[in-house]
PDB file of N, CA and C in Angstrom:
ATOM      1  N   MET A   1     -44.061  52.963  11.459  1.00  0.00           N
ATOM      2  CA  MET A   1     -43.001  53.497  12.296  1.00  0.00           C
ATOM      3  C   MET A   1     -43.564  53.858  13.667  1.00  0.00           C
ATOM      4  N   PRO A   2     -42.950  53.418  14.759  1.00  0.00           N
ATOM      5  CA  PRO A   2     -43.444  53.734  16.091  1.00  0.00           C
ATOM      6  C   PRO A   2     -43.543  55.241  16.310  1.00  0.00           C
ATOM      7  N   GLY A   3     -44.576  55.658  17.016  1.00  0.00           N
ATOM      8  CA  GLY A   3     -44.746  57.073  17.303  1.00  0.00           C
ATOM      9  C   GLY A   3     -45.557  57.828  16.282  1.00  0.00           C
ATOM     10  N   ASP A   4     -45.810  57.211  15.114  1.00  0.00           N
ATOM     11  CA  ASP A   4     -46.649  57.874  14.122  1.00  0.00           C
ATOM     12  C   ASP A   4     -48.070  57.954  14.643  1.00  0.00           C
ATOM     13  N   LEU A   5     -48.717  59.075  14.402  1.00  0.00           N
ATOM     14  CA  LEU A   5     -50.097  59.241  14.834  1.00  0.00           C
ATOM     15  C   LEU A   5     -51.032  58.533  13.870  1.00  0.00           C
ATOM     16  N   LYS A   6     -52.038  57.895  14.418  1.00  0.00           N
ATOM     17  CA  LYS A   6     -53.094  57.261  13.642  1.00  0.00           C
ATOM     18  C   LYS A   6     -54.382  58.005  13.957  1.00  0.00           C
ATOM     19  N   LYS A   7     -55.053  58.479  12.919  1.00  0.00           N
ATOM     20  CA  LYS A   7     -56.275  59.241  13.105  1.00  0.00           C
ATOM     21  C   LYS A   7     -57.478  58.315  12.963  1.00  0.00           C
ATOM     22  N   ARG A   8     -58.423  58.453  13.874  1.00  0.00           N
ATOM     23  CA  ARG A   8     -59.690  57.735  13.820  1.00  0.00           C
ATOM     24  C   ARG A   8     -60.810  58.733  14.048  1.00  0.00           C
ATOM     25  N   SER A   9     -61.950  58.425  13.501  1.00  0.00           N
ATOM     26  CA  SER A   9     -63.137  59.240  13.728  1.00  0.00           C
ATOM     27  C   SER A   9     -64.065  58.502  14.664  1.00  0.00           C
ATOM     28  N   VAL A  10     -64.607  59.216  15.626  1.00  0.00           N
ATOM     29  CA  VAL A  10     -65.592  58.665  16.551  1.00  0.00           C
ATOM     30  C   VAL A  10     -66.761  59.638  16.629  1.00  0.00           C
ATOM     31  N   ASN A  11     -67.925  59.098  16.946  1.00  0.00           N
ATOM     32  CA  ASN A  11     -69.114  59.920  17.079  1.00  0.00           C
ATOM     33  C   ASN A  11     -69.327  60.217  18.557  1.00  0.00           C
ATOM     34  N   LEU A  12     -69.197  61.487  18.922  1.00  0.00           N
ATOM     35  CA  LEU A  12     -69.379  61.910  20.315  1.00  0.00           C
ATOM     36  C   LEU A  12     -70.550  62.875  20.387  1.00  0.00           C
ATOM     37  N   SER A  13     -71.546  62.505  21.127  1.00  0.00           N
ATOM     38  CA  SER A  13     -72.737  63.354  21.302  1.00  0.00           C
ATOM     39  C   SER A  13     -73.328  63.774  19.961  1.00  0.00           C
ATOM     40  N   GLY A  14     -73.340  62.853  19.017  1.00  0.00           N
ATOM     41  CA  GLY A  14     -73.937  63.129  17.715  1.00  0.00           C
ATOM     42  C   GLY A  14     -73.055  63.884  16.745  1.00  0.00           C
ATOM     43  N   HIS A  15     -71.812  64.105  17.105  1.00  0.00           N
ATOM     44  CA  HIS A  15     -70.881  64.834  16.237  1.00  0.00           C
ATOM     45  C   HIS A  15     -69.672  63.959  15.920  1.00  0.00           C
ATOM     46  N   ALA A  16     -69.308  63.907  14.647  1.00  0.00           N
ATOM     47  CA  ALA A  16     -68.101  63.180  14.253  1.00  0.00           C
ATOM     48  C   ALA A  16     -66.889  63.962  14.728  1.00  0.00           C
ATOM     49  N   THR A  17     -65.998  63.278  15.396  1.00  0.00           N
ATOM     50  CA  THR A  17     -64.789  63.889  15.943  1.00  0.00           C
ATOM     51  C   THR A  17     -63.585  63.068  15.519  1.00  0.00           C
ATOM     52  N   SER A  18     -62.568  63.732  14.991  1.00  0.00           N
ATOM     53  CA  SER A  18     -61.334  63.039  14.636  1.00  0.00           C
ATOM     54  C   SER A  18     -60.366  63.138  15.797  1.00  0.00           C
ATOM     55  N   LEU A  19     -59.686  62.039  16.033  1.00  0.00           N
ATOM     56  CA  LEU A  19     -58.746  61.974  17.138  1.00  0.00           C
ATOM     57  C   LEU A  19     -57.489  61.288  16.640  1.00  0.00           C
ATOM     58  N   ALA A  20     -56.348  61.903  16.849  1.00  0.00           N
ATOM     59  CA  ALA A  20     -55.072  61.345  16.406  1.00  0.00           C
ATOM     60  C   ALA A  20     -54.243  60.958  17.624  1.00  0.00           C
ATOM     61  N   LEU A  21     -53.906  59.669  17.699  1.00  0.00           N
ATOM     62  CA  LEU A  21     -53.086  59.139  18.785  1.00  0.00           C
ATOM     63  C   LEU A  21     -52.072  58.162  18.220  1.00  0.00           C
ATOM     64  N   GLU A  22     -51.043  57.896  18.979  1.00  0.00           N
ATOM     65  CA  GLU A  22     -50.073  56.878  18.611  1.00  0.00           C
ATOM     66  C   GLU A  22     -50.741  55.504  18.701  1.00  0.00           C
ATOM     67  N   PRO A  23     -50.319  54.556  17.858  1.00  0.00           N
ATOM     68  CA  PRO A  23     -50.943  53.223  17.865  1.00  0.00           C
ATOM     69  C   PRO A  23     -50.925  52.545  19.238  1.00  0.00           C
ATOM     70  N   GLU A  24     -49.894  52.801  20.017  1.00  0.00           N
ATOM     71  CA  GLU A  24     -49.801  52.197  21.343  1.00  0.00           C
ATOM     72  C   GLU A  24     -50.958  52.642  22.242  1.00  0.00           C
ATOM     73  N   PHE A  25     -51.352  53.896  22.133  1.00  0.00           N
ATOM     74  CA  PHE A  25     -52.480  54.396  22.923  1.00  0.00           C
ATOM     75  C   PHE A  25     -53.792  53.838  22.402  1.00  0.00           C
ATOM     76  N   TRP A  26     -53.932  53.746  21.072  1.00  0.00           N
ATOM     77  CA  TRP A  26     -55.141  53.129  20.514  1.00  0.00           C
ATOM     78  C   TRP A  26     -55.283  51.696  21.008  1.00  0.00           C
ATOM     79  N   ALA A  27     -54.195  50.971  21.093  1.00  0.00           N
ATOM     80  CA  ALA A  27     -54.248  49.576  21.541  1.00  0.00           C
ATOM     81  C   ALA A  27     -54.784  49.491  22.969  1.00  0.00           C
ATOM     82  N   VAL A  28     -54.320  50.366  23.844  1.00  0.00           N
ATOM     83  CA  VAL A  28     -54.802  50.362  25.229  1.00  0.00           C
ATOM     84  C   VAL A  28     -56.275  50.738  25.275  1.00  0.00           C
ATOM     85  N   LEU A  29     -56.678  51.735  24.501  1.00  0.00           N
ATOM     86  CA  LEU A  29     -58.085  52.143  24.494  1.00  0.00           C
ATOM     87  C   LEU A  29     -58.976  51.034  23.954  1.00  0.00           C
ATOM     88  N   ASP A  30     -58.543  50.370  22.885  1.00  0.00           N
ATOM     89  CA  ASP A  30     -59.322  49.255  22.325  1.00  0.00           C
ATOM     90  C   ASP A  30     -59.487  48.144  23.360  1.00  0.00           C
ATOM     91  N   THR A  31     -58.402  47.803  24.049  1.00  0.00           N
ATOM     92  CA  THR A  31     -58.432  46.753  25.064  1.00  0.00           C
ATOM     93  C   THR A  31     -59.323  47.154  26.239  1.00  0.00           C
ATOM     94  N   ALA A  32     -59.229  48.397  26.659  1.00  0.00           N
ATOM     95  CA  ALA A  32     -60.041  48.886  27.777  1.00  0.00           C
ATOM     96  C   ALA A  32     -61.519  48.863  27.416  1.00  0.00           C
ATOM     97  N   ALA A  33     -61.846  49.295  26.217  1.00  0.00           N
ATOM     98  CA  ALA A  33     -63.248  49.295  25.790  1.00  0.00           C
ATOM     99  C   ALA A  33     -63.791  47.872  25.782  1.00  0.00           C
ATOM    100  N   ALA A  34     -63.043  46.949  25.226  1.00  0.00           N
ATOM    101  CA  ALA A  34     -63.481  45.549  25.168  1.00  0.00           C
ATOM    102  C   ALA A  34     -63.647  44.968  26.573  1.00  0.00           C
ATOM    103  N   ALA A  35     -62.708  45.270  27.460  1.00  0.00           N
ATOM    104  CA  ALA A  35     -62.755  44.741  28.817  1.00  0.00           C
ATOM    105  C   ALA A  35     -63.971  45.263  29.585  1.00  0.00           C
ATOM    106  N   GLU A  36     -64.410  46.457  29.250  1.00  0.00           N
ATOM    107  CA  GLU A  36     -65.554  47.055  29.934  1.00  0.00           C
ATOM    108  C   GLU A  36     -66.861  46.838  29.182  1.00  0.00           C
ATOM    109  N   GLY A  37     -66.798  46.108  28.063  1.00  0.00           N
ATOM    110  CA  GLY A  37     -67.998  45.840  27.285  1.00  0.00           C
ATOM    111  C   GLY A  37     -68.565  47.065  26.603  1.00  0.00           C
ATOM    112  N   LEU A  38     -67.675  47.980  26.254  1.00  0.00           N
ATOM    113  CA  LEU A  38     -68.076  49.225  25.602  1.00  0.00           C
ATOM    114  C   LEU A  38     -67.540  49.281  24.185  1.00  0.00           C
ATOM    115  N   SER A  39     -68.188  50.073  23.368  1.00  0.00           N
ATOM    116  CA  SER A  39     -67.591  50.397  22.082  1.00  0.00           C
ATOM    117  C   SER A  39     -66.463  51.396  22.335  1.00  0.00           C
ATOM    118  N   LEU A  40     -65.565  51.513  21.390  1.00  0.00           N
ATOM    119  CA  LEU A  40     -64.490  52.502  21.524  1.00  0.00           C
ATOM    120  C   LEU A  40     -65.083  53.901  21.651  1.00  0.00           C
ATOM    121  N   ALA A  41     -66.111  54.189  20.866  1.00  0.00           N
ATOM    122  CA  ALA A  41     -66.753  55.512  20.924  1.00  0.00           C
ATOM    123  C   ALA A  41     -67.349  55.776  22.302  1.00  0.00           C
ATOM    124  N   ALA A  42     -67.952  54.751  22.907  1.00  0.00           N
ATOM    125  CA  ALA A  42     -68.536  54.926  24.243  1.00  0.00           C
ATOM    126  C   ALA A  42     -67.455  55.210  25.283  1.00  0.00           C
ATOM    127  N   LEU A  43     -66.339  54.485  25.189  1.00  0.00           N
ATOM    128  CA  LEU A  43     -65.239  54.731  26.126  1.00  0.00           C
ATOM    129  C   LEU A  43     -64.686  56.141  25.940  1.00  0.00           C
ATOM    130  N   ILE A  44     -64.451  56.532  24.708  1.00  0.00           N
ATOM    131  CA  ILE A  44     -63.927  57.886  24.457  1.00  0.00           C
ATOM    132  C   ILE A  44     -64.944  58.931  24.885  1.00  0.00           C
ATOM    133  N   GLY A  45     -66.227  58.643  24.731  1.00  0.00           N
ATOM    134  CA  GLY A  45     -67.266  59.560  25.207  1.00  0.00           C
ATOM    135  C   GLY A  45     -67.190  59.751  26.708  1.00  0.00           C
ATOM    136  N   ARG A  46     -66.949  58.660  27.428  1.00  0.00           N
ATOM    137  CA  ARG A  46     -66.806  58.750  28.884  1.00  0.00           C
ATOM    138  C   ARG A  46     -65.571  59.562  29.250  1.00  0.00           C
ATOM    139  N   ILE A  47     -64.464  59.331  28.548  1.00  0.00           N
ATOM    140  CA  ILE A  47     -63.246  60.114  28.782  1.00  0.00           C
ATOM    141  C   ILE A  47     -63.524  61.590  28.492  1.00  0.00           C
ATOM    142  N   ASP A  48     -64.249  61.850  27.418  1.00  0.00           N
ATOM    143  CA  ASP A  48     -64.602  63.222  27.029  1.00  0.00           C
ATOM    144  C   ASP A  48     -65.410  63.908  28.127  1.00  0.00           C
ATOM    145  N   ASP A  49     -66.351  63.189  28.705  1.00  0.00           N
ATOM    146  CA  ASP A  49     -67.201  63.761  29.763  1.00  0.00           C
ATOM    147  C   ASP A  49     -66.405  64.117  31.019  1.00  0.00           C
ATOM    148  N   GLN A  50     -65.276  63.447  31.238  1.00  0.00           N
ATOM    149  CA  GLN A  50     -64.515  63.625  32.473  1.00  0.00           C
ATOM    150  C   GLN A  50     -63.215  64.403  32.291  1.00  0.00           C
ATOM    151  N   ARG A  51     -62.994  64.968  31.122  1.00  0.00           N
ATOM    152  CA  ARG A  51     -61.664  65.522  30.846  1.00  0.00           C
ATOM    153  C   ARG A  51     -61.409  66.901  31.428  1.00  0.00           C
ATOM    154  N   ALA A  52     -62.415  67.583  31.903  1.00  0.00           N
ATOM    155  CA  ALA A  52     -62.263  68.860  32.621  1.00  0.00           C
ATOM    156  C   ALA A  52     -61.401  69.884  31.877  1.00  0.00           C
ATOM    157  N   GLY A  53     -61.700  70.120  30.624  1.00  0.00           N
ATOM    158  CA  GLY A  53     -61.007  71.152  29.866  1.00  0.00           C
ATOM    159  C   GLY A  53     -59.711  70.725  29.208  1.00  0.00           C
ATOM    160  N   ARG A  54     -59.223  69.546  29.533  1.00  0.00           N
ATOM    161  CA  ARG A  54     -57.998  69.026  28.923  1.00  0.00           C
ATOM    162  C   ARG A  54     -58.313  68.646  27.475  1.00  0.00           C
ATOM    163  N   PRO A  55     -57.402  68.838  26.537  1.00  0.00           N
ATOM    164  CA  PRO A  55     -57.638  68.379  25.161  1.00  0.00           C
ATOM    165  C   PRO A  55     -57.971  66.877  25.147  1.00  0.00           C
ATOM    166  N   LEU A  56     -58.877  66.484  24.269  1.00  0.00           N
ATOM    167  CA  LEU A  56     -59.343  65.107  24.240  1.00  0.00           C
ATOM    168  C   LEU A  56     -58.199  64.119  24.016  1.00  0.00           C
ATOM    169  N   ALA A  57     -57.304  64.403  23.098  1.00  0.00           N
ATOM    170  CA  ALA A  57     -56.181  63.493  22.849  1.00  0.00           C
ATOM    171  C   ALA A  57     -55.338  63.327  24.108  1.00  0.00           C
ATOM    172  N   SER A  58     -55.091  64.398  24.817  1.00  0.00           N
ATOM    173  CA  SER A  58     -54.324  64.316  26.065  1.00  0.00           C
ATOM    174  C   SER A  58     -55.066  63.507  27.110  1.00  0.00           C
ATOM    175  N   ALA A  59     -56.364  63.724  27.226  1.00  0.00           N
ATOM    176  CA  ALA A  59     -57.167  62.977  28.193  1.00  0.00           C
ATOM    177  C   ALA A  59     -57.148  61.486  27.879  1.00  0.00           C
ATOM    178  N   CYS A  60     -57.178  61.132  26.610  1.00  0.00           N
ATOM    179  CA  CYS A  60     -57.118  59.715  26.221  1.00  0.00           C
ATOM    180  C   CYS A  60     -55.759  59.116  26.560  1.00  0.00           C
ATOM    181  N   ARG A  61     -54.697  59.871  26.336  1.00  0.00           N
ATOM    182  CA  ARG A  61     -53.358  59.374  26.683  1.00  0.00           C
ATOM    183  C   ARG A  61     -53.231  59.176  28.190  1.00  0.00           C
ATOM    184  N   VAL A  62     -53.720  60.128  28.980  1.00  0.00           N
ATOM    185  CA  VAL A  62     -53.656  60.015  30.439  1.00  0.00           C
ATOM    186  C   VAL A  62     -54.470  58.809  30.899  1.00  0.00           C
ATOM    187  N   PHE A  63     -55.666  58.620  30.329  1.00  0.00           N
ATOM    188  CA  PHE A  63     -56.473  57.452  30.668  1.00  0.00           C
ATOM    189  C   PHE A  63     -55.689  56.172  30.404  1.00  0.00           C
ATOM    190  N   ALA A  64     -55.064  56.086  29.237  1.00  0.00           N
ATOM    191  CA  ALA A  64     -54.308  54.888  28.866  1.00  0.00           C
ATOM    192  C   ALA A  64     -53.142  54.654  29.825  1.00  0.00           C
ATOM    193  N   LEU A  65     -52.421  55.705  30.175  1.00  0.00           N
ATOM    194  CA  LEU A  65     -51.306  55.565  31.106  1.00  0.00           C
ATOM    195  C   LEU A  65     -51.787  55.129  32.483  1.00  0.00           C
ATOM    196  N   GLN A  66     -52.887  55.718  32.954  1.00  0.00           N
ATOM    197  CA  GLN A  66     -53.418  55.350  34.267  1.00  0.00           C
ATOM    198  C   GLN A  66     -53.909  53.911  34.268  1.00  0.00           C
ATOM    199  N   ARG A  67     -54.515  53.487  33.185  1.00  0.00           N
ATOM    200  CA  ARG A  67     -54.998  52.098  33.091  1.00  0.00           C
ATOM    201  C   ARG A  67     -53.832  51.132  33.157  1.00  0.00           C
ATOM    202  N   ASN A  68     -52.778  51.416  32.390  1.00  0.00           N
ATOM    203  CA  ASN A  68     -51.605  50.541  32.409  1.00  0.00           C
ATOM    204  C   ASN A  68     -50.947  50.522  33.788  1.00  0.00           C
ATOM    205  N   ALA A  69     -50.874  51.674  34.433  1.00  0.00           N
ATOM    206  CA  ALA A  69     -50.267  51.733  35.765  1.00  0.00           C
ATOM    207  C   ALA A  69     -51.096  50.936  36.766  1.00  0.00           C
ATOM    208  N   ALA A  70     -52.403  50.983  36.652  1.00  0.00           N
ATOM    209  CA  ALA A  70     -53.270  50.269  37.580  1.00  0.00           C
ATOM    210  C   ALA A  70     -53.159  48.757  37.384  1.00  0.00           C
ATOM    211  N   GLN A  71     -52.828  48.328  36.179  1.00  0.00           N
ATOM    212  CA  GLN A  71     -52.730  46.905  35.890  1.00  0.00           C
ATOM    213  C   GLN A  71     -51.334  46.354  36.159  1.00  0.00           C
ATOM    214  N   ALA A  72     -50.383  47.240  36.377  1.00  0.00           N
ATOM    215  CA  ALA A  72     -49.006  46.792  36.613  1.00  0.00           C
ATOM    216  C   ALA A  72     -48.813  46.277  38.023  1.00  0.00           C
TER     217      ALA A  72
END
Protein backbone atom coordinates (compact mmCIF):
# COMPACT_ATOMS: atom_id res chain seq x y z
CA MET A 1 0.00 0.00 0.00
CA PRO A 2 1.46 3.41 -0.93
CA GLY A 3 2.66 5.46 2.01
CA ASP A 4 3.49 2.46 4.19
CA LEU A 5 6.82 2.85 5.92
CA LYS A 6 9.57 0.38 5.11
CA LYS A 7 12.23 -0.07 7.76
CA ARG A 8 15.86 -0.74 6.84
CA SER A 9 18.95 -1.02 8.97
CA VAL A 10 22.14 0.77 8.02
CA ASN A 11 25.51 0.93 9.73
CA LEU A 12 26.44 4.53 10.56
CA SER A 13 29.75 5.22 12.25
CA GLY A 14 29.92 1.63 13.47
CA HIS A 15 26.40 1.60 14.90
CA ALA A 16 23.38 -0.19 13.45
CA THR A 17 20.62 2.33 12.87
CA SER A 18 17.05 1.60 11.80
CA LEU A 19 15.41 4.03 9.47
CA ALA A 20 11.77 3.95 8.37
CA LEU A 21 10.79 5.72 5.15
CA GLU A 22 8.13 5.39 2.50
CA PRO A 23 9.16 3.17 -0.44
CA GLU A 24 9.16 6.18 -2.77
CA PHE A 25 11.91 7.83 -0.70
CA TRP A 26 13.91 4.60 -0.54
CA ALA A 27 13.75 4.41 -4.33
CA VAL A 28 15.22 7.91 -4.70
CA LEU A 29 17.95 7.18 -2.14
CA ASP A 30 18.85 3.88 -3.84
CA THR A 31 19.05 5.62 -7.23
CA ALA A 32 21.10 8.50 -5.82
CA ALA A 33 23.55 6.16 -4.13
CA ALA A 34 24.03 4.16 -7.34
CA ALA A 35 24.45 7.31 -9.43
CA GLU A 36 27.16 8.56 -7.08
CA GLY A 37 28.89 5.18 -6.83
CA LEU A 38 28.11 4.90 -3.14
CA SER A 39 26.53 2.26 -1.01
CA LEU A 40 23.18 3.22 0.48
CA ALA A 41 24.83 3.29 3.92
CA ALA A 42 27.52 5.68 2.65
CA LEU A 43 24.93 8.03 1.18
CA ILE A 44 22.85 7.98 4.36
CA GLY A 45 26.06 8.54 6.35
CA ARG A 46 26.74 11.66 4.30
CA ILE A 47 23.16 12.86 4.86
CA ASP A 48 23.61 12.13 8.58
CA ASP A 49 26.79 14.22 8.72
CA GLN A 50 25.00 17.21 7.15
CA ARG A 51 21.62 17.07 8.84
CA ALA A 52 22.31 19.78 11.46
CA GLY A 53 20.08 18.42 14.22
CA ARG A 54 17.19 17.44 11.95
CA PRO A 55 15.87 13.89 12.52
CA LEU A 56 17.60 11.47 10.15
CA ALA A 57 14.38 10.32 8.47
CA SER A 58 13.42 13.93 7.79
CA ALA A 59 16.88 14.73 6.44
CA CYS A 60 16.65 11.75 4.07
CA ARG A 61 13.23 12.87 2.83
CA VAL A 62 14.49 16.43 2.25
CA PHE A 63 17.53 15.07 0.39
CA ALA A 64 15.25 12.97 -1.82
CA LEU A 65 12.94 15.91 -2.55
CA GLN A 66 15.86 18.22 -3.35
CA ARG A 67 17.41 15.60 -5.64
CA ASN A 68 14.16 15.16 -7.55
CA ALA A 69 13.69 18.92 -7.83
CA ALA A 70 17.22 19.36 -9.15
CA GLN A 71 16.62 16.71 -11.81
CA ALA A 72 13.28 18.14 -12.92
